[in-house]
N, C-alpha and C. Protein backbone atom coordinates (compact mmCIF):
# COMPACT_ATOMS: atom_id res chain seq x y z
N UNK A 1 -40.91 3.86 -19.78
CA UNK A 1 -40.35 4.81 -18.86
C UNK A 1 -39.54 4.12 -17.77
N UNK A 2 -40.12 3.03 -17.21
CA UNK A 2 -39.42 2.31 -16.16
C UNK A 2 -38.14 1.66 -16.69
N UNK A 3 -38.18 1.16 -17.92
CA UNK A 3 -37.00 0.50 -18.47
C UNK A 3 -35.86 1.50 -18.70
N UNK A 4 -36.17 2.71 -19.07
CA UNK A 4 -35.13 3.74 -19.25
C UNK A 4 -34.47 4.06 -17.91
N UNK A 5 -35.26 4.16 -16.85
CA UNK A 5 -34.70 4.40 -15.52
C UNK A 5 -33.84 3.24 -15.08
N UNK A 6 -34.31 2.05 -15.35
CA UNK A 6 -33.56 0.85 -14.98
C UNK A 6 -32.22 0.80 -15.71
N UNK A 7 -32.22 1.13 -16.99
CA UNK A 7 -30.97 1.15 -17.76
C UNK A 7 -30.03 2.21 -17.21
N UNK A 8 -30.55 3.41 -16.93
CA UNK A 8 -29.71 4.47 -16.37
C UNK A 8 -29.14 4.07 -15.01
N UNK A 9 -29.93 3.44 -14.19
CA UNK A 9 -29.46 2.99 -12.88
C UNK A 9 -28.38 1.93 -13.02
N UNK A 10 -28.56 1.02 -13.96
CA UNK A 10 -27.56 -0.04 -14.18
C UNK A 10 -26.26 0.56 -14.69
N UNK A 11 -26.33 1.50 -15.61
CA UNK A 11 -25.12 2.15 -16.13
C UNK A 11 -24.42 2.93 -15.02
N UNK A 12 -25.19 3.63 -14.20
CA UNK A 12 -24.60 4.38 -13.09
C UNK A 12 -23.91 3.44 -12.10
N UNK A 13 -24.52 2.30 -11.84
CA UNK A 13 -23.92 1.33 -10.91
C UNK A 13 -22.61 0.78 -11.47
N UNK A 14 -22.58 0.45 -12.74
CA UNK A 14 -21.36 -0.07 -13.37
C UNK A 14 -20.26 0.99 -13.34
N UNK A 15 -20.60 2.22 -13.66
CA UNK A 15 -19.61 3.30 -13.62
C UNK A 15 -19.09 3.53 -12.20
N UNK A 16 -19.96 3.47 -11.21
CA UNK A 16 -19.54 3.65 -9.82
C UNK A 16 -18.56 2.56 -9.39
N UNK A 17 -18.85 1.32 -9.76
CA UNK A 17 -17.95 0.21 -9.42
C UNK A 17 -16.60 0.40 -10.11
N UNK A 18 -16.61 0.78 -11.38
CA UNK A 18 -15.36 0.99 -12.11
C UNK A 18 -14.56 2.13 -11.48
N UNK A 19 -15.22 3.21 -11.09
CA UNK A 19 -14.54 4.34 -10.47
C UNK A 19 -13.94 3.94 -9.13
N UNK A 20 -14.69 3.22 -8.31
CA UNK A 20 -14.17 2.77 -7.02
C UNK A 20 -12.98 1.83 -7.19
N UNK A 21 -13.04 0.95 -8.16
CA UNK A 21 -11.92 0.03 -8.41
C UNK A 21 -10.68 0.80 -8.85
N UNK A 22 -10.86 1.81 -9.67
CA UNK A 22 -9.72 2.59 -10.14
C UNK A 22 -9.08 3.41 -9.03
N UNK A 23 -9.87 3.83 -8.05
CA UNK A 23 -9.36 4.66 -6.96
C UNK A 23 -8.87 3.85 -5.76
N UNK A 24 -9.02 2.55 -5.79
CA UNK A 24 -8.62 1.76 -4.63
C UNK A 24 -7.10 1.73 -4.51
N UNK A 25 -6.60 1.42 -3.32
CA UNK A 25 -5.16 1.42 -3.09
C UNK A 25 -4.47 0.24 -3.75
N UNK A 26 -5.21 -0.67 -4.33
CA UNK A 26 -4.61 -1.77 -5.06
C UNK A 26 -4.56 -1.43 -6.55
N UNK A 27 -4.77 -0.15 -6.89
CA UNK A 27 -4.70 0.31 -8.26
C UNK A 27 -3.27 0.27 -8.77
N UNK A 28 -3.02 0.89 -9.91
CA UNK A 28 -1.73 0.82 -10.58
C UNK A 28 -0.54 1.26 -9.76
N UNK A 29 -0.70 2.23 -8.86
CA UNK A 29 0.42 2.73 -8.07
C UNK A 29 0.30 2.41 -6.59
N UNK A 30 -0.77 1.74 -6.20
CA UNK A 30 -1.00 1.45 -4.79
C UNK A 30 -0.29 0.19 -4.32
N UNK A 31 -0.39 -0.04 -3.04
CA UNK A 31 0.17 -1.25 -2.44
C UNK A 31 -0.48 -2.46 -3.12
N UNK A 32 0.31 -3.44 -3.53
CA UNK A 32 -0.27 -4.63 -4.17
C UNK A 32 -0.89 -5.57 -3.13
N UNK A 33 -1.96 -5.09 -2.47
CA UNK A 33 -2.59 -5.84 -1.38
C UNK A 33 -3.05 -7.23 -1.82
N UNK A 34 -3.70 -7.28 -2.97
CA UNK A 34 -4.20 -8.57 -3.46
C UNK A 34 -3.07 -9.57 -3.67
N UNK A 35 -1.98 -9.11 -4.24
CA UNK A 35 -0.83 -9.98 -4.48
C UNK A 35 -0.21 -10.43 -3.16
N UNK A 36 -0.07 -9.51 -2.21
CA UNK A 36 0.47 -9.87 -0.89
C UNK A 36 -0.45 -10.89 -0.23
N UNK A 37 -1.75 -10.64 -0.27
CA UNK A 37 -2.73 -11.55 0.33
C UNK A 37 -2.65 -12.94 -0.30
N UNK A 38 -2.46 -13.00 -1.61
CA UNK A 38 -2.41 -14.30 -2.31
C UNK A 38 -1.07 -15.00 -2.16
N UNK A 39 -0.01 -14.26 -1.87
CA UNK A 39 1.34 -14.82 -1.85
C UNK A 39 1.81 -15.23 -0.47
N UNK A 40 1.39 -14.50 0.56
CA UNK A 40 1.91 -14.72 1.91
C UNK A 40 0.82 -15.18 2.87
N UNK A 41 1.22 -15.67 4.03
CA UNK A 41 0.30 -16.22 5.02
C UNK A 41 -0.25 -15.11 5.92
N UNK A 42 -1.56 -14.97 5.92
CA UNK A 42 -2.19 -13.93 6.73
C UNK A 42 -2.16 -14.31 8.21
N UNK A 43 -1.90 -13.30 9.03
CA UNK A 43 -1.88 -13.48 10.48
C UNK A 43 -2.54 -12.26 11.11
N UNK A 44 -3.85 -12.31 11.22
CA UNK A 44 -4.59 -11.14 11.70
C UNK A 44 -4.55 -10.04 10.66
N UNK A 45 -4.02 -8.88 11.04
CA UNK A 45 -3.93 -7.75 10.11
C UNK A 45 -2.61 -7.74 9.35
N UNK A 46 -1.72 -8.68 9.65
CA UNK A 46 -0.39 -8.74 9.03
C UNK A 46 -0.26 -10.02 8.20
N UNK A 47 0.92 -10.13 7.55
CA UNK A 47 1.24 -11.34 6.81
C UNK A 47 2.60 -11.83 7.27
N UNK A 48 2.74 -13.15 7.35
CA UNK A 48 3.96 -13.77 7.84
C UNK A 48 4.63 -14.51 6.69
N UNK A 49 5.95 -14.37 6.61
CA UNK A 49 6.75 -15.07 5.62
C UNK A 49 7.77 -15.88 6.42
N UNK A 50 7.58 -17.19 6.55
CA UNK A 50 8.37 -17.98 7.49
C UNK A 50 9.87 -18.04 7.25
N UNK A 51 10.34 -18.02 6.02
CA UNK A 51 11.76 -18.33 5.81
C UNK A 51 12.51 -17.32 4.95
N UNK A 52 12.01 -16.10 4.83
CA UNK A 52 12.72 -15.10 4.02
C UNK A 52 13.01 -13.87 4.86
N UNK A 53 14.13 -13.24 4.57
CA UNK A 53 14.53 -12.03 5.29
C UNK A 53 13.67 -10.85 4.86
N UNK A 54 13.62 -9.79 5.66
CA UNK A 54 12.88 -8.60 5.24
C UNK A 54 13.35 -8.04 3.90
N UNK A 55 14.64 -8.08 3.63
CA UNK A 55 15.15 -7.59 2.35
C UNK A 55 14.61 -8.43 1.20
N UNK A 56 14.60 -9.75 1.34
CA UNK A 56 14.09 -10.63 0.29
C UNK A 56 12.60 -10.38 0.04
N UNK A 57 11.84 -10.22 1.11
CA UNK A 57 10.40 -9.99 0.97
C UNK A 57 10.14 -8.62 0.33
N UNK A 58 10.85 -7.59 0.78
CA UNK A 58 10.67 -6.25 0.21
C UNK A 58 11.07 -6.25 -1.27
N UNK A 59 12.13 -6.98 -1.61
CA UNK A 59 12.53 -7.09 -3.02
C UNK A 59 11.41 -7.71 -3.85
N UNK A 60 10.76 -8.75 -3.32
CA UNK A 60 9.68 -9.41 -4.05
C UNK A 60 8.48 -8.49 -4.22
N UNK A 61 8.10 -7.78 -3.17
CA UNK A 61 6.96 -6.85 -3.26
C UNK A 61 7.29 -5.73 -4.24
N UNK A 62 8.47 -5.14 -4.10
CA UNK A 62 8.90 -4.06 -4.99
C UNK A 62 9.01 -4.56 -6.43
N UNK A 63 9.44 -5.80 -6.61
CA UNK A 63 9.54 -6.39 -7.94
C UNK A 63 8.17 -6.59 -8.58
N UNK A 64 7.18 -6.88 -7.76
CA UNK A 64 5.82 -7.06 -8.29
C UNK A 64 5.21 -5.71 -8.67
N UNK A 65 5.38 -4.71 -7.79
CA UNK A 65 4.90 -3.35 -8.08
C UNK A 65 5.88 -2.37 -7.45
N UNK A 66 6.51 -1.60 -8.28
CA UNK A 66 7.53 -0.65 -7.80
C UNK A 66 6.94 0.37 -6.83
N UNK A 67 7.64 0.55 -5.73
CA UNK A 67 7.24 1.55 -4.73
C UNK A 67 7.72 2.91 -5.18
N UNK A 68 7.07 3.96 -4.66
CA UNK A 68 7.51 5.33 -4.93
C UNK A 68 8.86 5.60 -4.28
N UNK A 69 9.09 4.95 -3.14
CA UNK A 69 10.34 5.13 -2.41
C UNK A 69 10.58 3.90 -1.56
N UNK A 70 11.84 3.71 -1.19
CA UNK A 70 12.22 2.57 -0.37
C UNK A 70 13.30 3.01 0.61
N UNK A 71 13.21 2.51 1.84
CA UNK A 71 14.22 2.82 2.86
C UNK A 71 14.41 1.58 3.72
N UNK A 72 15.51 1.57 4.44
CA UNK A 72 15.75 0.48 5.38
C UNK A 72 16.40 1.04 6.63
N UNK A 73 16.23 0.32 7.70
CA UNK A 73 16.83 0.73 8.97
C UNK A 73 16.37 -0.17 10.09
N UNK A 74 17.25 -0.43 11.03
CA UNK A 74 16.89 -1.27 12.16
C UNK A 74 16.46 -2.66 11.74
N UNK A 75 17.08 -3.22 10.72
CA UNK A 75 16.78 -4.53 10.12
C UNK A 75 15.37 -4.61 9.53
N UNK A 76 14.75 -3.46 9.26
CA UNK A 76 13.44 -3.40 8.62
C UNK A 76 13.57 -2.76 7.24
N UNK A 77 12.59 -3.06 6.40
CA UNK A 77 12.51 -2.49 5.06
C UNK A 77 11.18 -1.74 4.97
N UNK A 78 11.19 -0.58 4.30
CA UNK A 78 10.01 0.26 4.18
C UNK A 78 9.77 0.58 2.70
N UNK A 79 8.53 0.40 2.25
CA UNK A 79 8.14 0.71 0.88
C UNK A 79 7.00 1.73 0.94
N UNK A 80 7.13 2.83 0.18
CA UNK A 80 6.09 3.86 0.18
C UNK A 80 5.30 3.79 -1.11
N UNK A 81 3.99 3.72 -0.96
CA UNK A 81 3.05 3.70 -2.08
C UNK A 81 2.02 4.81 -1.85
N UNK A 82 2.30 6.02 -2.25
CA UNK A 82 1.35 7.12 -2.11
C UNK A 82 0.93 7.34 -0.67
N UNK A 83 -0.33 7.08 -0.38
CA UNK A 83 -0.88 7.31 0.96
C UNK A 83 -0.68 6.12 1.90
N UNK A 84 0.00 5.10 1.46
CA UNK A 84 0.21 3.90 2.27
C UNK A 84 1.69 3.54 2.30
N UNK A 85 2.04 2.72 3.29
CA UNK A 85 3.40 2.19 3.32
C UNK A 85 3.38 0.75 3.78
N UNK A 86 4.39 0.02 3.34
CA UNK A 86 4.58 -1.38 3.73
C UNK A 86 5.84 -1.44 4.57
N UNK A 87 5.73 -2.06 5.73
CA UNK A 87 6.89 -2.28 6.59
C UNK A 87 7.13 -3.78 6.65
N UNK A 88 8.35 -4.20 6.37
CA UNK A 88 8.72 -5.61 6.47
C UNK A 88 9.77 -5.70 7.56
N UNK A 89 9.45 -6.44 8.61
CA UNK A 89 10.34 -6.53 9.76
C UNK A 89 10.65 -8.00 10.08
N UNK A 90 11.76 -8.23 10.80
CA UNK A 90 12.09 -9.60 11.18
C UNK A 90 11.01 -10.19 12.10
N UNK A 91 10.71 -11.45 11.91
CA UNK A 91 9.73 -12.15 12.75
C UNK A 91 10.15 -13.61 12.83
N UNK A 92 10.53 -14.02 14.01
CA UNK A 92 11.04 -15.38 14.24
C UNK A 92 12.15 -15.66 13.23
N UNK A 93 12.01 -16.71 12.43
CA UNK A 93 13.06 -17.01 11.45
C UNK A 93 12.73 -16.45 10.07
N UNK A 94 11.74 -15.57 10.00
CA UNK A 94 11.33 -14.99 8.72
C UNK A 94 11.02 -13.53 8.85
N UNK A 95 9.87 -13.13 8.28
CA UNK A 95 9.49 -11.72 8.23
C UNK A 95 8.01 -11.52 8.48
N UNK A 96 7.68 -10.29 8.87
CA UNK A 96 6.28 -9.87 9.03
C UNK A 96 6.05 -8.67 8.11
N UNK A 97 4.93 -8.69 7.39
CA UNK A 97 4.55 -7.59 6.50
C UNK A 97 3.40 -6.84 7.14
N UNK A 98 3.54 -5.52 7.24
CA UNK A 98 2.47 -4.67 7.74
C UNK A 98 2.17 -3.61 6.69
N UNK A 99 0.89 -3.35 6.47
CA UNK A 99 0.46 -2.29 5.56
C UNK A 99 -0.31 -1.29 6.40
N UNK A 100 0.06 -0.03 6.30
CA UNK A 100 -0.64 0.99 7.08
C UNK A 100 -0.65 2.31 6.34
N UNK A 101 -1.46 3.21 6.84
CA UNK A 101 -1.53 4.56 6.32
C UNK A 101 -0.15 5.21 6.43
N UNK A 102 0.24 5.93 5.39
CA UNK A 102 1.58 6.54 5.37
C UNK A 102 1.83 7.42 6.60
N UNK A 103 0.86 8.23 6.97
CA UNK A 103 1.03 9.14 8.10
C UNK A 103 1.35 8.36 9.38
N UNK A 104 0.59 7.33 9.67
CA UNK A 104 0.83 6.53 10.88
C UNK A 104 2.19 5.83 10.82
N UNK A 105 2.47 5.22 9.68
CA UNK A 105 3.75 4.52 9.53
C UNK A 105 4.94 5.46 9.64
N UNK A 106 4.81 6.63 9.03
CA UNK A 106 5.89 7.61 9.10
C UNK A 106 6.18 7.98 10.55
N UNK A 107 5.13 8.25 11.31
CA UNK A 107 5.33 8.65 12.71
C UNK A 107 5.89 7.50 13.55
N UNK A 108 5.52 6.27 13.25
CA UNK A 108 6.05 5.11 13.98
C UNK A 108 7.52 4.88 13.70
N UNK A 109 7.92 5.10 12.45
CA UNK A 109 9.27 4.73 12.02
C UNK A 109 10.09 5.91 11.51
N UNK A 110 9.76 7.12 11.91
CA UNK A 110 10.40 8.32 11.36
C UNK A 110 11.92 8.33 11.53
N UNK A 111 12.45 7.66 12.56
CA UNK A 111 13.90 7.65 12.75
C UNK A 111 14.61 6.95 11.59
N UNK A 112 13.91 6.06 10.88
CA UNK A 112 14.50 5.35 9.74
C UNK A 112 14.13 5.99 8.39
N UNK A 113 13.23 6.96 8.41
CA UNK A 113 12.69 7.54 7.17
C UNK A 113 13.09 9.01 7.06
N UNK A 114 14.34 9.30 7.36
CA UNK A 114 14.79 10.69 7.47
C UNK A 114 14.66 11.49 6.18
N UNK A 115 14.73 10.86 5.03
CA UNK A 115 14.63 11.63 3.78
C UNK A 115 13.26 11.50 3.12
N UNK A 116 12.32 10.82 3.73
CA UNK A 116 10.95 10.74 3.20
C UNK A 116 10.20 12.00 3.60
N UNK A 117 9.22 12.41 2.81
CA UNK A 117 8.48 13.64 3.13
C UNK A 117 7.62 13.48 4.38
N UNK A 118 7.61 14.51 5.18
CA UNK A 118 6.79 14.52 6.39
C UNK A 118 5.33 14.71 5.98
N UNK A 119 4.46 13.78 6.35
CA UNK A 119 3.06 13.90 5.91
C UNK A 119 2.32 15.07 6.56
N UNK A 120 2.91 15.67 7.57
CA UNK A 120 2.27 16.82 8.22
C UNK A 120 2.70 18.15 7.62
N UNK A 121 3.64 18.12 6.67
CA UNK A 121 4.08 19.38 6.06
C UNK A 121 3.05 19.84 5.02
N UNK A 122 3.00 21.12 4.79
CA UNK A 122 2.04 21.69 3.85
C UNK A 122 2.32 21.26 2.42
N UNK A 123 3.55 20.90 2.11
CA UNK A 123 3.91 20.55 0.74
C UNK A 123 3.75 19.06 0.44
N UNK A 124 3.35 18.26 1.43
CA UNK A 124 3.24 16.80 1.21
C UNK A 124 2.11 16.49 0.24
N UNK A 125 2.42 15.70 -0.76
CA UNK A 125 1.44 15.18 -1.70
C UNK A 125 1.53 13.66 -1.60
N UNK A 126 0.50 13.03 -1.11
CA UNK A 126 0.52 11.60 -0.83
C UNK A 126 0.56 10.71 -2.04
N UNK A 127 0.15 11.20 -3.20
CA UNK A 127 0.15 10.36 -4.38
C UNK A 127 -1.21 9.71 -4.62
N UNK A 128 -2.18 10.00 -3.78
CA UNK A 128 -3.52 9.45 -3.97
C UNK A 128 -4.35 10.32 -4.88
N UNK A 129 -5.67 10.18 -4.81
CA UNK A 129 -6.55 11.01 -5.65
C UNK A 129 -6.26 12.50 -5.37
N UNK A 130 -6.18 13.27 -6.43
CA UNK A 130 -5.92 14.69 -6.30
C UNK A 130 -4.44 15.02 -6.31
N UNK A 131 -3.59 14.03 -6.57
CA UNK A 131 -2.14 14.26 -6.60
C UNK A 131 -1.80 15.35 -7.59
N UNK A 132 -0.91 16.24 -7.20
CA UNK A 132 -0.44 17.27 -8.11
C UNK A 132 -1.27 18.52 -8.13
N UNK A 133 -2.27 18.61 -7.27
CA UNK A 133 -3.13 19.80 -7.26
C UNK A 133 -2.41 20.96 -6.63
């Protein structure tokens, strides 16, 4: 009896881990956080790229995993991945990469994101779990 419970608990744990991994933002359509973390130099909550322009860095990120949308403005590049966005801005002689929630990023940079969907509108679908409902 105990072994059957143990097996059920182990199967449930494995399924829970698989489900959480599939729903994470580093999934198939999410921000490639792991790749950014492995490729660029971390600086607190951001990443620094010492010798590449924001366009070059955004091209590399987009080339690794295509964004749902891309915009530029004010010498910055913006990549939208469902409920998240990546902002690449000039920093010293290179670039800084920031990853944030789409809603916060949209409100910070809305002057450059004029054709992106407003996350406060009733019709906004972020692209995360439940997309298309």
